[in-house]
PDB file of all heavy atoms in Angstrom:
ATOM      1  N   CYS A   1      10.921   0.394  -9.146  1.00  0.00           N
ATOM      2  CA  CYS A   1      10.858  -0.702 -10.122  1.00  0.00           C
ATOM      3  C   CYS A   1      11.383  -1.994  -9.477  1.00  0.00           C
ATOM      4  O   CYS A   1      12.597  -2.181  -9.375  1.00  0.00           O
ATOM      5  CB  CYS A   1      11.699  -0.368 -11.356  1.00  0.00           C
ATOM      6  SG  CYS A   1      11.182   1.140 -12.175  1.00  0.00           S
ATOM      7  N   PRO A   2      10.480  -2.840  -9.091  1.00  0.00           N
ATOM      8  CA  PRO A   2      10.950  -4.116  -8.527  1.00  0.00           C
ATOM      9  C   PRO A   2      11.626  -4.936  -9.622  1.00  0.00           C
ATOM     10  O   PRO A   2      11.385  -4.732 -10.824  1.00  0.00           O
ATOM     11  CB  PRO A   2       9.667  -4.777  -8.027  1.00  0.00           C
ATOM     12  CG  PRO A   2       8.569  -4.130  -8.789  1.00  0.00           C
ATOM     13  CD  PRO A   2       9.039  -2.762  -9.141  1.00  0.00           C
ATOM     14  N   PRO A   3      12.458  -5.870  -9.234  1.00  0.00           N
ATOM     15  CA  PRO A   3      13.131  -6.680 -10.261  1.00  0.00           C
ATOM     16  C   PRO A   3      12.113  -7.463 -11.094  1.00  0.00           C
ATOM     17  O   PRO A   3      11.092  -7.931 -10.591  1.00  0.00           O
ATOM     18  CB  PRO A   3      14.024  -7.614  -9.452  1.00  0.00           C
ATOM     19  CG  PRO A   3      13.529  -7.543  -8.060  1.00  0.00           C
ATOM     20  CD  PRO A   3      12.826  -6.244  -7.902  1.00  0.00           C
ATOM     21  N   LEU A   4      12.401  -7.557 -12.359  1.00  0.00           N
ATOM     22  CA  LEU A   4      11.482  -8.190 -13.297  1.00  0.00           C
ATOM     23  C   LEU A   4      11.632  -9.709 -13.228  1.00  0.00           C
ATOM     24  O   LEU A   4      12.722 -10.255 -13.356  1.00  0.00           O
ATOM     25  CB  LEU A   4      11.794  -7.703 -14.726  1.00  0.00           C
ATOM     26  CG  LEU A   4      10.843  -8.162 -15.821  1.00  0.00           C
ATOM     27  CD1 LEU A   4       9.431  -7.633 -15.574  1.00  0.00           C
ATOM     28  CD2 LEU A   4      11.343  -7.701 -17.168  1.00  0.00           C
ATOM     29  N   SER A   5      10.483 -10.355 -13.014  1.00  0.00           N
ATOM     30  CA  SER A   5      10.494 -11.828 -13.028  1.00  0.00           C
ATOM     31  C   SER A   5       9.513 -12.263 -14.114  1.00  0.00           C
ATOM     32  O   SER A   5       8.315 -12.018 -14.022  1.00  0.00           O
ATOM     33  CB  SER A   5      10.080 -12.381 -11.666  1.00  0.00           C
ATOM     34  OG  SER A   5       8.791 -11.922 -11.329  1.00  0.00           O
ATOM     35  N   LEU A   6      10.020 -12.847 -15.142  1.00  0.00           N
ATOM     36  CA  LEU A   6       9.173 -13.266 -16.255  1.00  0.00           C
ATOM     37  C   LEU A   6       8.547 -14.623 -15.928  1.00  0.00           C
ATOM     38  O   LEU A   6       9.244 -15.587 -15.603  1.00  0.00           O
ATOM     39  CB  LEU A   6       9.995 -13.372 -17.535  1.00  0.00           C
ATOM     40  CG  LEU A   6      10.516 -12.039 -18.087  1.00  0.00           C
ATOM     41  CD1 LEU A   6      11.389 -12.283 -19.297  1.00  0.00           C
ATOM     42  CD2 LEU A   6       9.363 -11.137 -18.455  1.00  0.00           C
ATOM     43  N   PRO A   7       7.225 -14.652 -16.000  1.00  0.00           N
ATOM     44  CA  PRO A   7       6.556 -15.935 -15.740  1.00  0.00           C
ATOM     45  C   PRO A   7       6.782 -16.910 -16.895  1.00  0.00           C
ATOM     46  O   PRO A   7       7.065 -16.514 -18.022  1.00  0.00           O
ATOM     47  CB  PRO A   7       5.094 -15.535 -15.602  1.00  0.00           C
ATOM     48  CG  PRO A   7       4.965 -14.197 -16.249  1.00  0.00           C
ATOM     49  CD  PRO A   7       6.317 -13.568 -16.239  1.00  0.00           C
ATOM     50  N   GLY A   8       6.581 -18.157 -16.594  1.00  0.00           N
ATOM     51  CA  GLY A   8       6.832 -19.198 -17.596  1.00  0.00           C
ATOM     52  C   GLY A   8       5.665 -19.406 -18.539  1.00  0.00           C
ATOM     53  O   GLY A   8       5.844 -19.725 -19.707  1.00  0.00           O
ATOM     54  N   SER A   9       4.403 -19.233 -18.106  1.00  0.00           N
ATOM     55  CA  SER A   9       3.265 -19.534 -18.975  1.00  0.00           C
ATOM     56  C   SER A   9       2.819 -18.285 -19.721  1.00  0.00           C
ATOM     57  O   SER A   9       3.120 -17.160 -19.348  1.00  0.00           O
ATOM     58  CB  SER A   9       2.096 -20.083 -18.147  1.00  0.00           C
ATOM     59  OG  SER A   9       1.563 -19.047 -17.343  1.00  0.00           O
ATOM     60  N   MET A  10       2.071 -18.500 -20.771  1.00  0.00           N
ATOM     61  CA  MET A  10       1.595 -17.425 -21.628  1.00  0.00           C
ATOM     62  C   MET A  10       0.550 -16.580 -20.916  1.00  0.00           C
ATOM     63  O   MET A  10       0.528 -15.356 -21.061  1.00  0.00           O
ATOM     64  CB  MET A  10       1.021 -18.042 -22.904  1.00  0.00           C
ATOM     65  CG  MET A  10       0.631 -17.028 -23.925  1.00  0.00           C
ATOM     66  SD  MET A  10       2.089 -16.143 -24.474  1.00  0.00           S
ATOM     67  CE  MET A  10       1.848 -16.187 -26.188  1.00  0.00           C
ATOM     68  N   GLN A  11      -0.347 -17.231 -20.146  1.00  0.00           N
ATOM     69  CA  GLN A  11      -1.401 -16.520 -19.440  1.00  0.00           C
ATOM     70  C   GLN A  11      -0.795 -15.535 -18.419  1.00  0.00           C
ATOM     71  O   GLN A  11      -1.231 -14.394 -18.331  1.00  0.00           O
ATOM     72  CB  GLN A  11      -2.337 -17.519 -18.729  1.00  0.00           C
ATOM     73  CG  GLN A  11      -3.532 -16.890 -18.043  1.00  0.00           C
ATOM     74  CD  GLN A  11      -4.459 -16.165 -19.023  1.00  0.00           C
ATOM     75  OE1 GLN A  11      -4.623 -16.568 -20.183  1.00  0.00           O
ATOM     76  NE2 GLN A  11      -5.053 -15.080 -18.558  1.00  0.00           N
ATOM     77  N   GLU A  12       0.192 -15.952 -17.661  1.00  0.00           N
ATOM     78  CA  GLU A  12       0.838 -15.082 -16.685  1.00  0.00           C
ATOM     79  C   GLU A  12       1.552 -13.918 -17.368  1.00  0.00           C
ATOM     80  O   GLU A  12       1.566 -12.791 -16.864  1.00  0.00           O
ATOM     81  CB  GLU A  12       1.824 -15.880 -15.841  1.00  0.00           C
ATOM     82  CG  GLU A  12       1.176 -16.887 -14.917  1.00  0.00           C
ATOM     83  CD  GLU A  12       2.201 -17.740 -14.206  1.00  0.00           C
ATOM     84  OE1 GLU A  12       3.420 -17.614 -14.500  1.00  0.00           O
ATOM     85  OE2 GLU A  12       1.789 -18.538 -13.353  1.00  0.00           O
ATOM     86  N   LEU A  13       2.119 -14.181 -18.531  1.00  0.00           N
ATOM     87  CA  LEU A  13       2.797 -13.125 -19.287  1.00  0.00           C
ATOM     88  C   LEU A  13       1.792 -12.071 -19.757  1.00  0.00           C
ATOM     89  O   LEU A  13       2.061 -10.873 -19.694  1.00  0.00           O
ATOM     90  CB  LEU A  13       3.532 -13.737 -20.476  1.00  0.00           C
ATOM     91  CG  LEU A  13       4.555 -12.878 -21.187  1.00  0.00           C
ATOM     92  CD1 LEU A  13       5.621 -12.410 -20.212  1.00  0.00           C
ATOM     93  CD2 LEU A  13       5.184 -13.632 -22.332  1.00  0.00           C
ATOM     94  N   GLN A  14       0.598 -12.510 -20.216  1.00  0.00           N
ATOM     95  CA  GLN A  14      -0.440 -11.577 -20.640  1.00  0.00           C
ATOM     96  C   GLN A  14      -0.950 -10.760 -19.449  1.00  0.00           C
ATOM     97  O   GLN A  14      -1.203  -9.548 -19.576  1.00  0.00           O
ATOM     98  CB  GLN A  14      -1.588 -12.331 -21.310  1.00  0.00           C
ATOM     99  CG  GLN A  14      -1.242 -12.835 -22.697  1.00  0.00           C
ATOM    100  CD  GLN A  14      -2.380 -13.635 -23.328  1.00  0.00           C
ATOM    101  OE1 GLN A  14      -3.328 -14.037 -22.633  1.00  0.00           O
ATOM    102  NE2 GLN A  14      -2.267 -13.892 -24.625  1.00  0.00           N
ATOM    103  N   ASP A  15      -1.133 -11.398 -18.290  1.00  0.00           N
ATOM    104  CA  ASP A  15      -1.565 -10.669 -17.097  1.00  0.00           C
ATOM    105  C   ASP A  15      -0.539  -9.598 -16.717  1.00  0.00           C
ATOM    106  O   ASP A  15      -0.903  -8.481 -16.337  1.00  0.00           O
ATOM    107  CB  ASP A  15      -1.782 -11.637 -15.926  1.00  0.00           C
ATOM    108  CG  ASP A  15      -3.008 -12.533 -16.133  1.00  0.00           C
ATOM    109  OD1 ASP A  15      -3.880 -12.155 -16.954  1.00  0.00           O
ATOM    110  OD2 ASP A  15      -3.091 -13.589 -15.481  1.00  0.00           O
ATOM    111  N   LEU A  16       0.740  -9.956 -16.814  1.00  0.00           N
ATOM    112  CA  LEU A  16       1.803  -9.002 -16.508  1.00  0.00           C
ATOM    113  C   LEU A  16       1.751  -7.813 -17.460  1.00  0.00           C
ATOM    114  O   LEU A  16       1.887  -6.652 -17.053  1.00  0.00           O
ATOM    115  CB  LEU A  16       3.165  -9.688 -16.590  1.00  0.00           C
ATOM    116  CG  LEU A  16       4.373  -8.790 -16.297  1.00  0.00           C
ATOM    117  CD1 LEU A  16       4.346  -8.330 -14.842  1.00  0.00           C
ATOM    118  CD2 LEU A  16       5.645  -9.520 -16.618  1.00  0.00           C
ATOM    119  N   CYS A  17       1.513  -8.090 -18.755  1.00  0.00           N
ATOM    120  CA  CYS A  17       1.414  -7.010 -19.750  1.00  0.00           C
ATOM    121  C   CYS A  17       0.216  -6.111 -19.457  1.00  0.00           C
ATOM    122  O   CYS A  17       0.310  -4.880 -19.567  1.00  0.00           O
ATOM    123  CB  CYS A  17       1.300  -7.583 -21.161  1.00  0.00           C
ATOM    124  SG  CYS A  17       2.836  -8.287 -21.776  1.00  0.00           S
ATOM    125  N   LYS A  18      -0.923  -6.704 -19.073  1.00  0.00           N
ATOM    126  CA  LYS A  18      -2.111  -5.904 -18.745  1.00  0.00           C
ATOM    127  C   LYS A  18      -1.830  -5.000 -17.546  1.00  0.00           C
ATOM    128  O   LYS A  18      -2.224  -3.834 -17.528  1.00  0.00           O
ATOM    129  CB  LYS A  18      -3.298  -6.816 -18.463  1.00  0.00           C
ATOM    130  CG  LYS A  18      -3.864  -7.448 -19.708  1.00  0.00           C
ATOM    131  CD  LYS A  18      -5.035  -8.352 -19.385  1.00  0.00           C
ATOM    132  CE  LYS A  18      -5.541  -9.075 -20.634  1.00  0.00           C
ATOM    133  NZ  LYS A  18      -6.636  -9.996 -20.345  1.00  0.00           N
ATOM    134  N   LYS A  19      -1.135  -5.535 -16.519  1.00  0.00           N
ATOM    135  CA  LYS A  19      -0.801  -4.729 -15.344  1.00  0.00           C
ATOM    136  C   LYS A  19       0.119  -3.564 -15.729  1.00  0.00           C
ATOM    137  O   LYS A  19      -0.057  -2.435 -15.287  1.00  0.00           O
ATOM    138  CB  LYS A  19      -0.117  -5.584 -14.279  1.00  0.00           C
ATOM    139  CG  LYS A  19      -1.031  -6.509 -13.545  1.00  0.00           C
ATOM    140  CD  LYS A  19      -0.241  -7.315 -12.512  1.00  0.00           C
ATOM    141  CE  LYS A  19      -1.108  -8.381 -11.874  1.00  0.00           C
ATOM    142  NZ  LYS A  19      -0.327  -9.196 -10.919  1.00  0.00           N
ATOM    143  N   LEU A  20       1.094  -3.883 -16.589  1.00  0.00           N
ATOM    144  CA  LEU A  20       2.023  -2.832 -17.016  1.00  0.00           C
ATOM    145  C   LEU A  20       1.298  -1.740 -17.816  1.00  0.00           C
ATOM    146  O   LEU A  20       1.568  -0.550 -17.643  1.00  0.00           O
ATOM    147  CB  LEU A  20       3.160  -3.428 -17.839  1.00  0.00           C
ATOM    148  CG  LEU A  20       4.187  -4.254 -17.066  1.00  0.00           C
ATOM    149  CD1 LEU A  20       5.189  -4.872 -18.030  1.00  0.00           C
ATOM    150  CD2 LEU A  20       4.896  -3.393 -16.042  1.00  0.00           C
ATOM    151  N   HIS A  21       0.366  -2.161 -18.695  1.00  0.00           N
ATOM    152  CA  HIS A  21      -0.402  -1.180 -19.477  1.00  0.00           C
ATOM    153  C   HIS A  21      -1.270  -0.329 -18.552  1.00  0.00           C
ATOM    154  O   HIS A  21      -1.406   0.899 -18.762  1.00  0.00           O
ATOM    155  CB  HIS A  21      -1.264  -1.878 -20.529  1.00  0.00           C
ATOM    156  CG  HIS A  21      -0.509  -2.260 -21.757  1.00  0.00           C
ATOM    157  ND1 HIS A  21      -0.059  -1.359 -22.671  1.00  0.00           N
ATOM    158  CD2 HIS A  21      -0.129  -3.488 -22.216  1.00  0.00           C
ATOM    159  CE1 HIS A  21       0.574  -1.995 -23.644  1.00  0.00           C
ATOM    160  NE2 HIS A  21       0.544  -3.302 -23.394  1.00  0.00           N
ATOM    161  N   ALA A  22      -1.871  -0.905 -17.531  1.00  0.00           N
ATOM    162  CA  ALA A  22      -2.690  -0.145 -16.575  1.00  0.00           C
ATOM    163  C   ALA A  22      -1.819   0.888 -15.839  1.00  0.00           C
ATOM    164  O   ALA A  22      -2.229   2.044 -15.649  1.00  0.00           O
ATOM    165  CB  ALA A  22      -3.356  -1.095 -15.595  1.00  0.00           C
ATOM    166  N   LYS A  23      -0.598   0.463 -15.442  1.00  0.00           N
ATOM    167  CA  LYS A  23       0.306   1.400 -14.767  1.00  0.00           C
ATOM    168  C   LYS A  23       0.720   2.527 -15.708  1.00  0.00           C
ATOM    169  O   LYS A  23       0.795   3.696 -15.305  1.00  0.00           O
ATOM    170  CB  LYS A  23       1.551   0.678 -14.257  1.00  0.00           C
ATOM    171  CG  LYS A  23       1.318  -0.121 -13.004  1.00  0.00           C
ATOM    172  CD  LYS A  23       2.620  -0.695 -12.483  1.00  0.00           C
ATOM    173  CE  LYS A  23       2.372  -1.498 -11.220  1.00  0.00           C
ATOM    174  NZ  LYS A  23       3.632  -2.049 -10.677  1.00  0.00           N
ATOM    175  N   ILE A  24       0.970   2.176 -16.962  1.00  0.00           N
ATOM    176  CA  ILE A  24       1.365   3.193 -17.944  1.00  0.00           C
ATOM    177  C   ILE A  24       0.245   4.213 -18.124  1.00  0.00           C
ATOM    178  O   ILE A  24       0.480   5.413 -18.192  1.00  0.00           O
ATOM    179  CB  ILE A  24       1.748   2.536 -19.290  1.00  0.00           C
ATOM    180  CG1 ILE A  24       3.070   1.793 -19.154  1.00  0.00           C
ATOM    181  CG2 ILE A  24       1.833   3.570 -20.404  1.00  0.00           C
ATOM    182  CD1 ILE A  24       3.436   0.953 -20.363  1.00  0.00           C
ATOM    183  N   GLU A  25      -1.024   3.726 -18.199  1.00  0.00           N
ATOM    184  CA  GLU A  25      -2.156   4.631 -18.366  1.00  0.00           C
ATOM    185  C   GLU A  25      -2.299   5.564 -17.163  1.00  0.00           C
ATOM    186  O   GLU A  25      -2.527   6.783 -17.324  1.00  0.00           O
ATOM    187  CB  GLU A  25      -3.438   3.841 -18.569  1.00  0.00           C
ATOM    188  CG  GLU A  25      -3.559   3.210 -19.940  1.00  0.00           C
ATOM    189  CD  GLU A  25      -4.841   2.387 -20.084  1.00  0.00           C
ATOM    190  OE1 GLU A  25      -5.731   2.511 -19.220  1.00  0.00           O
ATOM    191  OE2 GLU A  25      -4.931   1.646 -21.064  1.00  0.00           O
ATOM    192  N   SER A  26      -2.144   5.010 -15.957  1.00  0.00           N
ATOM    193  CA  SER A  26      -2.275   5.858 -14.764  1.00  0.00           C
ATOM    194  C   SER A  26      -1.143   6.905 -14.709  1.00  0.00           C
ATOM    195  O   SER A  26      -1.373   8.067 -14.361  1.00  0.00           O
ATOM    196  CB  SER A  26      -2.286   5.016 -13.497  1.00  0.00           C
ATOM    197  OG  SER A  26      -1.024   4.414 -13.300  1.00  0.00           O
ATOM    198  N   VAL A  27       0.058   6.500 -15.109  1.00  0.00           N
ATOM    199  CA  VAL A  27       1.184   7.451 -15.128  1.00  0.00           C
ATOM    200  C   VAL A  27       0.946   8.529 -16.177  1.00  0.00           C
ATOM    201  O   VAL A  27       1.223   9.715 -15.951  1.00  0.00           O
ATOM    202  CB  VAL A  27       2.506   6.698 -15.376  1.00  0.00           C
ATOM    203  CG1 VAL A  27       3.634   7.653 -15.689  1.00  0.00           C
ATOM    204  CG2 VAL A  27       2.855   5.845 -14.177  1.00  0.00           C
TER     205      VAL A  27
END
């Protein structure tokens, strides 16, 4: 688990959530 860096914009936050959901599905 790399350290969490929250992006400032909404679009980057949504991309981060999509990546996390993809990782959750693969796990």
